[in-house]
N, C-alpha and C. Protein backbone atom coordinates (compact mmCIF):
# COMPACT_ATOMS: atom_id res chain seq x y z
N MET A 1 11.19 -6.49 -22.30
CA MET A 1 11.81 -5.35 -21.60
C MET A 1 11.98 -5.67 -20.11
N GLU A 2 13.11 -5.31 -19.55
CA GLU A 2 13.36 -5.52 -18.13
C GLU A 2 12.33 -4.74 -17.31
N ALA A 3 11.87 -5.34 -16.19
CA ALA A 3 10.81 -4.75 -15.38
C ALA A 3 11.14 -3.33 -14.91
N LYS A 4 12.36 -3.13 -14.44
CA LYS A 4 12.72 -1.81 -13.91
C LYS A 4 12.72 -0.75 -15.00
N LYS A 5 13.18 -1.11 -16.20
CA LYS A 5 13.17 -0.16 -17.31
C LYS A 5 11.73 0.17 -17.69
N PHE A 6 10.88 -0.85 -17.69
CA PHE A 6 9.47 -0.64 -18.03
C PHE A 6 8.81 0.28 -17.02
N LEU A 7 9.05 0.02 -15.73
CA LEU A 7 8.43 0.82 -14.68
C LEU A 7 8.95 2.25 -14.68
N LEU A 8 10.25 2.40 -14.87
CA LEU A 8 10.84 3.74 -14.86
C LEU A 8 10.45 4.55 -16.09
N ALA A 9 10.01 3.86 -17.14
CA ALA A 9 9.53 4.56 -18.33
C ALA A 9 8.17 5.18 -18.09
N LEU A 10 7.46 4.68 -17.05
CA LEU A 10 6.17 5.26 -16.67
C LEU A 10 6.43 6.53 -15.87
N ASP A 11 5.48 7.41 -15.84
CA ASP A 11 5.60 8.64 -15.06
C ASP A 11 5.21 8.33 -13.62
N SER A 12 6.21 8.16 -12.75
CA SER A 12 5.94 7.79 -11.36
C SER A 12 5.23 8.88 -10.57
N LYS A 13 5.26 10.10 -11.10
CA LYS A 13 4.59 11.21 -10.39
C LYS A 13 3.15 11.41 -10.86
N LYS A 14 2.77 10.71 -11.93
CA LYS A 14 1.41 10.85 -12.44
C LYS A 14 0.47 10.03 -11.58
N ILE A 15 -0.51 10.69 -10.98
CA ILE A 15 -1.43 10.04 -10.07
C ILE A 15 -2.68 9.59 -10.81
N LYS A 16 -3.01 8.31 -10.69
CA LYS A 16 -4.27 7.79 -11.20
C LYS A 16 -5.09 7.38 -9.99
N TYR A 17 -5.98 8.28 -9.58
CA TYR A 17 -6.72 8.05 -8.35
C TYR A 17 -7.85 7.04 -8.59
N GLY A 18 -8.11 6.18 -7.63
CA GLY A 18 -9.18 5.20 -7.74
C GLY A 18 -8.65 3.78 -7.59
N LEU A 19 -9.55 2.85 -7.31
CA LEU A 19 -9.17 1.46 -7.03
C LEU A 19 -9.44 0.52 -8.20
N THR A 20 -10.13 1.00 -9.22
CA THR A 20 -10.56 0.12 -10.31
C THR A 20 -9.42 -0.63 -10.96
N ARG A 21 -8.37 0.07 -11.37
CA ARG A 21 -7.26 -0.58 -12.07
C ARG A 21 -6.53 -1.57 -11.17
N THR A 22 -6.34 -1.19 -9.90
CA THR A 22 -5.66 -2.10 -8.97
C THR A 22 -6.47 -3.38 -8.78
N LYS A 23 -7.77 -3.24 -8.62
CA LYS A 23 -8.64 -4.42 -8.44
C LYS A 23 -8.62 -5.30 -9.68
N GLN A 24 -8.60 -4.68 -10.86
CA GLN A 24 -8.54 -5.45 -12.10
C GLN A 24 -7.24 -6.23 -12.20
N LEU A 25 -6.13 -5.59 -11.84
CA LEU A 25 -4.83 -6.26 -11.92
C LEU A 25 -4.71 -7.34 -10.85
N LEU A 26 -5.26 -7.09 -9.68
CA LEU A 26 -5.27 -8.12 -8.63
C LEU A 26 -6.04 -9.36 -9.09
N ARG A 27 -7.18 -9.13 -9.74
CA ARG A 27 -7.97 -10.26 -10.26
C ARG A 27 -7.18 -11.03 -11.31
N ALA A 28 -6.48 -10.29 -12.16
CA ALA A 28 -5.66 -10.94 -13.20
C ALA A 28 -4.56 -11.80 -12.59
N CYS A 29 -4.13 -11.42 -11.39
CA CYS A 29 -3.07 -12.16 -10.69
C CYS A 29 -3.63 -13.22 -9.74
N GLY A 30 -4.93 -13.45 -9.77
CA GLY A 30 -5.54 -14.46 -8.93
C GLY A 30 -5.92 -14.00 -7.55
N ASN A 31 -6.08 -12.69 -7.36
CA ASN A 31 -6.45 -12.10 -6.07
C ASN A 31 -5.55 -12.56 -4.92
N PRO A 32 -4.25 -12.31 -5.03
CA PRO A 32 -3.32 -12.74 -3.98
C PRO A 32 -3.58 -12.08 -2.63
N GLN A 33 -4.23 -10.93 -2.61
CA GLN A 33 -4.52 -10.22 -1.36
C GLN A 33 -5.41 -11.04 -0.42
N LEU A 34 -6.14 -11.99 -0.96
CA LEU A 34 -7.03 -12.82 -0.15
C LEU A 34 -6.27 -13.87 0.66
N ASP A 35 -5.01 -14.07 0.31
CA ASP A 35 -4.22 -15.11 0.97
C ASP A 35 -3.11 -14.57 1.85
N ILE A 36 -3.18 -13.28 2.18
CA ILE A 36 -2.18 -12.69 3.08
C ILE A 36 -2.87 -11.99 4.23
N PHE A 37 -2.14 -11.83 5.33
CA PHE A 37 -2.63 -11.04 6.47
C PHE A 37 -1.89 -9.71 6.42
N SER A 38 -2.63 -8.65 6.17
CA SER A 38 -1.97 -7.37 5.93
C SER A 38 -2.34 -6.29 6.93
N ILE A 39 -1.41 -5.37 7.11
CA ILE A 39 -1.56 -4.21 7.99
C ILE A 39 -1.29 -2.98 7.13
N GLN A 40 -2.28 -2.12 6.99
CA GLN A 40 -2.14 -0.91 6.18
C GLN A 40 -1.84 0.29 7.07
N VAL A 41 -0.80 1.03 6.73
CA VAL A 41 -0.40 2.20 7.50
C VAL A 41 -0.78 3.45 6.70
N ILE A 42 -1.58 4.32 7.34
CA ILE A 42 -2.13 5.50 6.67
C ILE A 42 -1.83 6.73 7.53
N GLY A 43 -1.65 7.87 6.91
CA GLY A 43 -1.46 9.10 7.68
C GLY A 43 -0.75 10.15 6.86
N THR A 44 -0.35 11.21 7.54
CA THR A 44 0.37 12.30 6.88
C THR A 44 1.86 12.20 7.18
N ASN A 45 2.17 12.03 8.45
CA ASN A 45 3.58 11.94 8.87
C ASN A 45 3.84 10.61 9.58
N GLY A 46 5.05 10.08 9.37
CA GLY A 46 5.47 8.90 10.12
C GLY A 46 5.03 7.56 9.56
N LYS A 47 4.48 7.54 8.35
CA LYS A 47 4.03 6.26 7.79
C LYS A 47 5.19 5.29 7.57
N GLY A 48 6.24 5.79 6.94
CA GLY A 48 7.38 4.92 6.63
C GLY A 48 8.05 4.36 7.87
N SER A 49 8.28 5.24 8.87
CA SER A 49 8.95 4.78 10.09
C SER A 49 8.06 3.83 10.88
N THR A 50 6.75 4.10 10.89
CA THR A 50 5.82 3.21 11.59
C THR A 50 5.79 1.84 10.93
N ALA A 51 5.72 1.82 9.60
CA ALA A 51 5.72 0.55 8.87
C ALA A 51 7.01 -0.22 9.14
N ALA A 52 8.14 0.49 9.13
CA ALA A 52 9.42 -0.16 9.38
C ALA A 52 9.51 -0.72 10.80
N MET A 53 9.01 0.03 11.78
CA MET A 53 9.04 -0.45 13.17
C MET A 53 8.16 -1.68 13.36
N LEU A 54 6.98 -1.66 12.72
CA LEU A 54 6.10 -2.83 12.80
C LEU A 54 6.79 -4.06 12.21
N ALA A 55 7.41 -3.87 11.05
CA ALA A 55 8.10 -4.98 10.41
C ALA A 55 9.25 -5.50 11.27
N HIS A 56 10.06 -4.60 11.81
CA HIS A 56 11.18 -4.99 12.67
C HIS A 56 10.69 -5.77 13.88
N THR A 57 9.62 -5.31 14.49
CA THR A 57 9.09 -5.97 15.69
C THR A 57 8.62 -7.39 15.38
N LEU A 58 7.90 -7.55 14.29
CA LEU A 58 7.40 -8.88 13.92
C LEU A 58 8.54 -9.81 13.51
N ILE A 59 9.50 -9.30 12.77
CA ILE A 59 10.65 -10.11 12.37
C ILE A 59 11.44 -10.56 13.60
N ALA A 60 11.59 -9.66 14.58
CA ALA A 60 12.31 -9.99 15.82
C ALA A 60 11.61 -11.09 16.60
N ASN A 61 10.31 -11.27 16.33
CA ASN A 61 9.55 -12.33 16.98
C ASN A 61 9.36 -13.54 16.06
N ASN A 62 10.29 -13.64 15.09
CA ASN A 62 10.42 -14.83 14.24
C ASN A 62 9.28 -15.04 13.24
N TYR A 63 8.65 -13.94 12.80
CA TYR A 63 7.65 -14.03 11.75
C TYR A 63 8.29 -13.69 10.41
N LYS A 64 7.71 -14.23 9.35
CA LYS A 64 8.15 -13.88 8.00
C LYS A 64 7.29 -12.70 7.54
N VAL A 65 7.93 -11.57 7.30
CA VAL A 65 7.20 -10.32 7.12
C VAL A 65 7.53 -9.64 5.79
N GLY A 66 6.48 -9.30 5.07
CA GLY A 66 6.63 -8.52 3.85
C GLY A 66 6.46 -7.05 4.18
N LEU A 67 7.25 -6.19 3.56
CA LEU A 67 7.17 -4.75 3.80
C LEU A 67 7.15 -4.03 2.46
N TYR A 68 6.11 -3.20 2.27
CA TYR A 68 5.97 -2.42 1.04
C TYR A 68 5.94 -0.94 1.40
N THR A 69 6.93 -0.19 0.93
CA THR A 69 7.05 1.22 1.27
C THR A 69 7.38 2.05 0.02
N SER A 70 7.30 3.35 0.17
CA SER A 70 7.70 4.26 -0.91
C SER A 70 8.06 5.61 -0.30
N PRO A 71 8.88 6.40 -1.00
CA PRO A 71 9.54 6.09 -2.28
C PRO A 71 10.83 5.31 -2.04
N HIS A 72 11.56 5.03 -3.11
CA HIS A 72 12.87 4.40 -2.96
C HIS A 72 13.95 5.47 -3.08
N LEU A 73 15.13 5.16 -2.59
CA LEU A 73 16.24 6.11 -2.65
C LEU A 73 17.16 5.84 -3.85
N VAL A 74 17.47 4.57 -4.07
CA VAL A 74 18.40 4.21 -5.14
C VAL A 74 17.75 3.28 -6.16
N SER A 75 17.12 2.22 -5.67
CA SER A 75 16.57 1.20 -6.55
C SER A 75 15.11 0.90 -6.21
N ILE A 76 14.31 0.61 -7.22
CA ILE A 76 12.91 0.24 -7.02
C ILE A 76 12.79 -0.95 -6.08
N ASN A 77 13.76 -1.84 -6.12
CA ASN A 77 13.73 -3.05 -5.28
C ASN A 77 13.57 -2.73 -3.80
N GLU A 78 14.00 -1.55 -3.39
CA GLU A 78 13.92 -1.15 -1.97
C GLU A 78 12.48 -1.11 -1.47
N ARG A 79 11.53 -0.93 -2.37
CA ARG A 79 10.14 -0.77 -1.97
C ARG A 79 9.49 -2.07 -1.49
N VAL A 80 10.04 -3.19 -1.91
CA VAL A 80 9.44 -4.50 -1.61
C VAL A 80 10.47 -5.38 -0.91
N LYS A 81 10.20 -5.73 0.33
CA LYS A 81 11.16 -6.52 1.10
C LYS A 81 10.46 -7.64 1.87
N ILE A 82 11.19 -8.71 2.06
CA ILE A 82 10.76 -9.78 2.96
C ILE A 82 11.88 -10.01 3.96
N ASN A 83 11.57 -9.79 5.23
CA ASN A 83 12.57 -9.90 6.29
C ASN A 83 13.86 -9.16 5.93
N HIS A 84 13.69 -7.91 5.56
CA HIS A 84 14.78 -6.97 5.25
C HIS A 84 15.45 -7.21 3.89
N GLN A 85 15.10 -8.29 3.21
CA GLN A 85 15.74 -8.60 1.92
C GLN A 85 14.90 -8.04 0.77
N GLN A 86 15.53 -7.23 -0.08
CA GLN A 86 14.82 -6.62 -1.19
C GLN A 86 14.39 -7.67 -2.22
N ILE A 87 13.30 -7.37 -2.90
CA ILE A 87 12.83 -8.26 -3.96
C ILE A 87 13.92 -8.40 -5.03
N HIS A 88 14.09 -9.60 -5.55
CA HIS A 88 15.09 -9.84 -6.58
C HIS A 88 14.59 -9.28 -7.92
N THR A 89 15.49 -8.71 -8.67
CA THR A 89 15.12 -8.19 -9.99
C THR A 89 14.52 -9.28 -10.86
N GLN A 90 15.00 -10.51 -10.70
CA GLN A 90 14.48 -11.64 -11.45
C GLN A 90 12.99 -11.84 -11.18
N ALA A 91 12.58 -11.66 -9.93
CA ALA A 91 11.17 -11.81 -9.57
C ALA A 91 10.33 -10.70 -10.20
N MET A 92 10.89 -9.50 -10.26
CA MET A 92 10.19 -8.39 -10.91
C MET A 92 10.03 -8.65 -12.40
N ASN A 93 11.09 -9.15 -13.02
CA ASN A 93 11.04 -9.47 -14.45
C ASN A 93 10.02 -10.55 -14.74
N GLN A 94 9.96 -11.55 -13.86
CA GLN A 94 9.01 -12.65 -14.05
C GLN A 94 7.57 -12.17 -13.92
N PHE A 95 7.33 -11.26 -12.97
CA PHE A 95 5.99 -10.70 -12.80
C PHE A 95 5.56 -9.98 -14.07
N LEU A 96 6.45 -9.15 -14.59
CA LEU A 96 6.13 -8.38 -15.79
C LEU A 96 5.92 -9.32 -16.99
N LYS A 97 6.75 -10.35 -17.10
CA LYS A 97 6.62 -11.30 -18.21
C LYS A 97 5.28 -12.03 -18.14
N THR A 98 4.88 -12.39 -16.94
CA THR A 98 3.64 -13.15 -16.75
C THR A 98 2.40 -12.30 -16.99
N TYR A 99 2.43 -11.04 -16.54
CA TYR A 99 1.21 -10.22 -16.55
C TYR A 99 1.29 -8.99 -17.46
N LYS A 100 2.28 -8.96 -18.35
CA LYS A 100 2.46 -7.76 -19.17
C LYS A 100 1.24 -7.46 -20.04
N SER A 101 0.62 -8.49 -20.61
CA SER A 101 -0.54 -8.25 -21.47
C SER A 101 -1.68 -7.62 -20.69
N GLU A 102 -1.90 -8.10 -19.45
CA GLU A 102 -2.95 -7.52 -18.60
C GLU A 102 -2.60 -6.09 -18.20
N ILE A 103 -1.31 -5.85 -17.92
CA ILE A 103 -0.87 -4.50 -17.55
C ILE A 103 -1.10 -3.52 -18.70
N LEU A 104 -0.75 -3.95 -19.90
CA LEU A 104 -0.93 -3.08 -21.06
C LEU A 104 -2.41 -2.82 -21.34
N LYS A 105 -3.24 -3.80 -21.04
CA LYS A 105 -4.69 -3.65 -21.25
C LYS A 105 -5.32 -2.74 -20.20
N ILE A 106 -4.94 -2.93 -18.93
CA ILE A 106 -5.54 -2.19 -17.81
C ILE A 106 -4.97 -0.78 -17.70
N GLN A 107 -3.70 -0.61 -18.07
CA GLN A 107 -3.01 0.69 -18.00
C GLN A 107 -2.92 1.24 -16.56
N PRO A 108 -2.47 0.44 -15.63
CA PRO A 108 -2.32 0.93 -14.25
C PRO A 108 -1.12 1.87 -14.14
N SER A 109 -1.09 2.62 -13.05
CA SER A 109 0.02 3.55 -12.82
C SER A 109 1.24 2.81 -12.29
N PHE A 110 2.35 3.52 -12.21
CA PHE A 110 3.60 3.01 -11.63
C PHE A 110 3.34 2.42 -10.24
N PHE A 111 2.65 3.20 -9.39
CA PHE A 111 2.41 2.77 -8.01
C PHE A 111 1.45 1.59 -7.95
N GLU A 112 0.45 1.57 -8.83
CA GLU A 112 -0.51 0.47 -8.84
C GLU A 112 0.15 -0.84 -9.24
N ILE A 113 1.02 -0.79 -10.24
CA ILE A 113 1.74 -1.99 -10.65
C ILE A 113 2.62 -2.51 -9.52
N LEU A 114 3.35 -1.61 -8.88
CA LEU A 114 4.24 -2.02 -7.79
C LEU A 114 3.45 -2.61 -6.62
N THR A 115 2.28 -2.03 -6.33
CA THR A 115 1.46 -2.55 -5.24
C THR A 115 1.05 -3.99 -5.51
N VAL A 116 0.56 -4.25 -6.69
CA VAL A 116 0.11 -5.61 -7.04
C VAL A 116 1.30 -6.56 -7.14
N MET A 117 2.42 -6.08 -7.66
CA MET A 117 3.63 -6.89 -7.73
C MET A 117 4.06 -7.31 -6.32
N ALA A 118 4.04 -6.36 -5.40
CA ALA A 118 4.44 -6.64 -4.02
C ALA A 118 3.52 -7.68 -3.38
N ILE A 119 2.21 -7.49 -3.52
CA ILE A 119 1.24 -8.42 -2.93
C ILE A 119 1.42 -9.82 -3.50
N THR A 120 1.61 -9.90 -4.80
CA THR A 120 1.81 -11.20 -5.45
C THR A 120 3.09 -11.87 -4.96
N TYR A 121 4.15 -11.09 -4.82
CA TYR A 121 5.43 -11.60 -4.34
C TYR A 121 5.31 -12.09 -2.90
N PHE A 122 4.60 -11.34 -2.07
CA PHE A 122 4.43 -11.74 -0.67
C PHE A 122 3.64 -13.04 -0.55
N LYS A 123 2.62 -13.18 -1.37
CA LYS A 123 1.83 -14.41 -1.35
C LYS A 123 2.67 -15.60 -1.80
N GLU A 124 3.39 -15.42 -2.90
CA GLU A 124 4.19 -16.51 -3.45
C GLU A 124 5.27 -16.98 -2.48
N ASN A 125 5.71 -16.07 -1.61
CA ASN A 125 6.77 -16.41 -0.64
C ASN A 125 6.23 -16.70 0.75
N ASN A 126 4.93 -16.91 0.86
CA ASN A 126 4.30 -17.38 2.11
C ASN A 126 4.62 -16.51 3.32
N THR A 127 4.50 -15.20 3.17
CA THR A 127 4.71 -14.32 4.31
C THR A 127 3.58 -14.47 5.31
N GLU A 128 3.90 -14.28 6.58
CA GLU A 128 2.89 -14.41 7.64
C GLU A 128 2.20 -13.07 7.93
N PHE A 129 2.94 -12.00 7.77
CA PHE A 129 2.39 -10.65 7.92
C PHE A 129 2.90 -9.79 6.77
N VAL A 130 2.06 -8.87 6.33
CA VAL A 130 2.46 -7.92 5.28
C VAL A 130 2.14 -6.51 5.76
N ILE A 131 3.14 -5.65 5.76
CA ILE A 131 2.97 -4.25 6.16
C ILE A 131 2.97 -3.39 4.89
N LEU A 132 1.91 -2.61 4.72
CA LEU A 132 1.73 -1.83 3.50
C LEU A 132 1.62 -0.35 3.82
N GLU A 133 2.55 0.43 3.31
CA GLU A 133 2.49 1.88 3.50
C GLU A 133 1.61 2.49 2.41
N THR A 134 0.61 3.24 2.81
CA THR A 134 -0.28 3.90 1.86
C THR A 134 0.47 5.02 1.14
N GLY A 135 0.19 5.17 -0.15
CA GLY A 135 0.87 6.21 -0.91
C GLY A 135 0.25 7.58 -0.70
N LEU A 136 -1.04 7.72 -1.02
CA LEU A 136 -1.71 9.01 -0.96
C LEU A 136 -3.15 8.82 -0.49
N GLY A 137 -3.54 9.56 0.54
CA GLY A 137 -4.91 9.48 1.02
C GLY A 137 -5.18 8.15 1.70
N GLY A 138 -6.21 7.47 1.24
CA GLY A 138 -6.57 6.19 1.84
C GLY A 138 -7.72 5.54 1.08
N LYS A 139 -8.81 6.26 0.94
CA LYS A 139 -10.01 5.71 0.31
C LYS A 139 -9.74 5.20 -1.09
N TYR A 140 -8.98 5.95 -1.89
CA TYR A 140 -8.75 5.59 -3.28
C TYR A 140 -7.31 5.22 -3.57
N ASP A 141 -6.50 5.01 -2.54
CA ASP A 141 -5.12 4.59 -2.75
C ASP A 141 -5.08 3.12 -3.11
N SER A 142 -4.19 2.73 -3.99
CA SER A 142 -4.16 1.34 -4.47
C SER A 142 -3.96 0.33 -3.36
N VAL A 143 -3.24 0.70 -2.30
CA VAL A 143 -3.03 -0.21 -1.18
C VAL A 143 -4.36 -0.61 -0.54
N THR A 144 -5.32 0.29 -0.53
CA THR A 144 -6.62 0.02 0.09
C THR A 144 -7.37 -1.11 -0.62
N ALA A 145 -7.06 -1.36 -1.88
CA ALA A 145 -7.70 -2.44 -2.63
C ALA A 145 -7.36 -3.81 -2.04
N THR A 146 -6.32 -3.89 -1.21
CA THR A 146 -5.93 -5.16 -0.61
C THR A 146 -6.81 -5.54 0.58
N LYS A 147 -7.63 -4.58 1.06
CA LYS A 147 -8.56 -4.82 2.17
C LYS A 147 -7.85 -5.40 3.39
N ALA A 148 -6.92 -4.62 3.91
CA ALA A 148 -6.12 -5.06 5.05
C ALA A 148 -6.97 -5.35 6.28
N GLN A 149 -6.55 -6.36 7.04
CA GLN A 149 -7.28 -6.72 8.25
C GLN A 149 -7.06 -5.71 9.37
N ILE A 150 -5.88 -5.08 9.39
CA ILE A 150 -5.56 -4.08 10.41
C ILE A 150 -5.22 -2.78 9.71
N VAL A 151 -5.77 -1.67 10.21
CA VAL A 151 -5.48 -0.34 9.68
C VAL A 151 -4.85 0.49 10.80
N VAL A 152 -3.69 1.06 10.52
CA VAL A 152 -2.98 1.89 11.50
C VAL A 152 -2.90 3.32 10.98
N PHE A 153 -3.38 4.26 11.79
CA PHE A 153 -3.33 5.67 11.41
C PHE A 153 -2.22 6.38 12.18
N THR A 154 -1.30 6.96 11.43
CA THR A 154 -0.32 7.84 12.05
C THR A 154 -0.95 9.23 12.11
N SER A 155 -0.20 10.21 12.54
CA SER A 155 -0.72 11.57 12.65
C SER A 155 -1.28 12.08 11.32
N ILE A 156 -2.49 12.63 11.37
CA ILE A 156 -3.15 13.17 10.18
C ILE A 156 -3.20 14.69 10.28
N SER A 157 -2.67 15.35 9.25
CA SER A 157 -2.69 16.81 9.21
C SER A 157 -2.94 17.25 7.77
N LEU A 158 -2.84 18.54 7.49
CA LEU A 158 -3.07 19.04 6.14
C LEU A 158 -2.07 18.42 5.17
N ASP A 159 -2.58 17.86 4.08
CA ASP A 159 -1.76 16.99 3.24
C ASP A 159 -2.37 16.91 1.84
N HIS A 160 -1.61 17.28 0.80
CA HIS A 160 -2.09 17.19 -0.58
C HIS A 160 -3.50 17.78 -0.72
N MET A 161 -3.65 19.00 -0.27
CA MET A 161 -4.97 19.62 -0.20
C MET A 161 -5.65 19.76 -1.56
N HIS A 162 -4.87 19.88 -2.64
CA HIS A 162 -5.46 20.00 -3.97
C HIS A 162 -6.13 18.72 -4.43
N ILE A 163 -5.82 17.60 -3.74
CA ILE A 163 -6.40 16.31 -4.09
C ILE A 163 -7.35 15.80 -3.01
N LEU A 164 -6.92 15.90 -1.76
CA LEU A 164 -7.66 15.28 -0.66
C LEU A 164 -8.73 16.17 -0.04
N GLY A 165 -8.62 17.49 -0.20
CA GLY A 165 -9.62 18.38 0.39
C GLY A 165 -8.99 19.60 1.02
N GLU A 166 -9.78 20.66 1.14
CA GLU A 166 -9.23 21.94 1.59
C GLU A 166 -9.22 22.14 3.09
N ASN A 167 -9.72 21.16 3.85
CA ASN A 167 -9.66 21.29 5.31
C ASN A 167 -9.36 19.93 5.94
N ILE A 168 -9.04 19.95 7.22
CA ILE A 168 -8.60 18.75 7.91
C ILE A 168 -9.67 17.67 7.98
N SER A 169 -10.93 18.07 8.08
CA SER A 169 -12.01 17.09 8.16
C SER A 169 -12.15 16.31 6.85
N LYS A 170 -12.04 17.01 5.72
CA LYS A 170 -12.15 16.35 4.43
C LYS A 170 -10.94 15.43 4.18
N ILE A 171 -9.78 15.89 4.59
CA ILE A 171 -8.58 15.07 4.44
C ILE A 171 -8.68 13.82 5.31
N ALA A 172 -9.16 14.00 6.52
CA ALA A 172 -9.34 12.85 7.42
C ALA A 172 -10.35 11.87 6.84
N GLN A 173 -11.41 12.39 6.21
CA GLN A 173 -12.42 11.53 5.62
C GLN A 173 -11.84 10.68 4.50
N GLU A 174 -10.98 11.29 3.69
CA GLU A 174 -10.33 10.55 2.61
C GLU A 174 -9.47 9.42 3.17
N LYS A 175 -8.74 9.71 4.22
CA LYS A 175 -7.87 8.70 4.81
C LYS A 175 -8.68 7.63 5.56
N ALA A 176 -9.75 8.07 6.22
CA ALA A 176 -10.60 7.13 6.96
C ALA A 176 -11.33 6.18 6.02
N GLY A 177 -11.45 6.57 4.74
CA GLY A 177 -12.14 5.73 3.77
C GLY A 177 -11.50 4.38 3.55
N ALA A 178 -10.30 4.18 4.06
CA ALA A 178 -9.65 2.87 3.95
C ALA A 178 -10.28 1.86 4.90
N ILE A 179 -10.98 2.34 5.91
CA ILE A 179 -11.68 1.43 6.84
C ILE A 179 -12.89 0.84 6.11
N SER A 180 -13.03 -0.47 6.19
CA SER A 180 -14.17 -1.13 5.54
C SER A 180 -14.69 -2.26 6.42
N GLU A 181 -15.68 -2.97 5.91
CA GLU A 181 -16.24 -4.09 6.66
C GLU A 181 -15.23 -5.22 6.83
N HIS A 182 -14.15 -5.18 6.06
CA HIS A 182 -13.11 -6.21 6.17
C HIS A 182 -12.12 -5.90 7.29
N THR A 183 -12.14 -4.67 7.80
CA THR A 183 -11.20 -4.25 8.83
C THR A 183 -11.53 -4.92 10.17
N LYS A 184 -10.54 -5.54 10.77
CA LYS A 184 -10.74 -6.24 12.05
C LYS A 184 -10.26 -5.41 13.24
N LEU A 185 -9.27 -4.57 13.01
CA LEU A 185 -8.69 -3.78 14.09
C LEU A 185 -8.22 -2.44 13.55
N ILE A 186 -8.50 -1.39 14.31
CA ILE A 186 -8.06 -0.04 13.94
C ILE A 186 -7.22 0.53 15.07
N VAL A 187 -6.04 1.04 14.73
CA VAL A 187 -5.14 1.64 15.72
C VAL A 187 -4.80 3.04 15.24
N SER A 188 -4.76 3.99 16.18
CA SER A 188 -4.45 5.36 15.77
C SER A 188 -3.52 6.05 16.75
N ASP A 189 -2.70 6.90 16.18
CA ASP A 189 -1.90 7.83 16.96
C ASP A 189 -2.86 8.84 17.60
N ASN A 190 -2.37 9.67 18.50
CA ASN A 190 -3.18 10.76 19.03
C ASN A 190 -3.55 11.70 17.88
N GLN A 191 -4.82 12.04 17.76
CA GLN A 191 -5.30 12.90 16.68
C GLN A 191 -6.02 14.11 17.26
N THR A 192 -6.19 15.13 16.43
CA THR A 192 -6.97 16.29 16.85
C THR A 192 -8.43 15.87 16.97
N THR A 193 -9.21 16.68 17.65
CA THR A 193 -10.62 16.36 17.88
C THR A 193 -11.37 16.16 16.58
N LYS A 194 -11.14 17.03 15.60
CA LYS A 194 -11.84 16.92 14.31
C LYS A 194 -11.49 15.62 13.59
N VAL A 195 -10.22 15.27 13.60
CA VAL A 195 -9.79 14.04 12.94
C VAL A 195 -10.36 12.82 13.65
N LEU A 196 -10.29 12.83 14.96
CA LEU A 196 -10.80 11.70 15.75
C LEU A 196 -12.29 11.48 15.52
N LYS A 197 -13.03 12.56 15.40
CA LYS A 197 -14.47 12.47 15.14
C LYS A 197 -14.74 11.76 13.82
N VAL A 198 -13.96 12.10 12.80
CA VAL A 198 -14.12 11.47 11.49
C VAL A 198 -13.76 9.99 11.55
N LEU A 199 -12.64 9.65 12.20
CA LEU A 199 -12.21 8.26 12.29
C LEU A 199 -13.22 7.41 13.06
N ASN A 200 -13.73 7.95 14.15
CA ASN A 200 -14.72 7.21 14.96
C ASN A 200 -16.00 6.96 14.17
N LYS A 201 -16.43 7.96 13.43
CA LYS A 201 -17.65 7.83 12.62
C LYS A 201 -17.49 6.73 11.57
N GLN A 202 -16.35 6.74 10.88
CA GLN A 202 -16.10 5.73 9.85
C GLN A 202 -15.96 4.34 10.47
N ALA A 203 -15.32 4.27 11.63
CA ALA A 203 -15.15 2.98 12.30
C ALA A 203 -16.49 2.39 12.71
N LYS A 204 -17.36 3.23 13.22
CA LYS A 204 -18.70 2.74 13.61
C LYS A 204 -19.52 2.28 12.41
């Protein structure tokens, strides 16, 4: 089955929260996240534009840059780019052909498969920087499984309260959960006092 047909047959709106499946699929693919330098963009507003600006800036300075964003407007290929060029459908088909048995066994979500596909594609094409837009939250979003060296927080406000928490502090805690011992640098937009308190605590 063609990769795009397979992916579109999955329920892209069905959320499978947690990192277990993404980590399992990354291991099946040889842990490509260990061979890339990644920047994870997290927040409520401005994630896509921030990720795009970071990519544009690095490309303008002659770096080879992978960009992973969501959602797409017309084609799934839009979500995965290297220096503005969308991933080739052939590469998507090859990924599915190579790892389909593992995918069927692990049962990852639409977003989890695309995340691992993107990371694998970026590694195979020797990108120097990879910009990853977080899908939902931070602590349990599949992008967080890549253990990015740099974490960038855009503005954090009330967001998906039925999943992330009923107040701003709990939502901030979910997003701050992407910070780990692997994080080398943390950058943040101006935040409210409550959000900043949560981010500082997690950073320390």
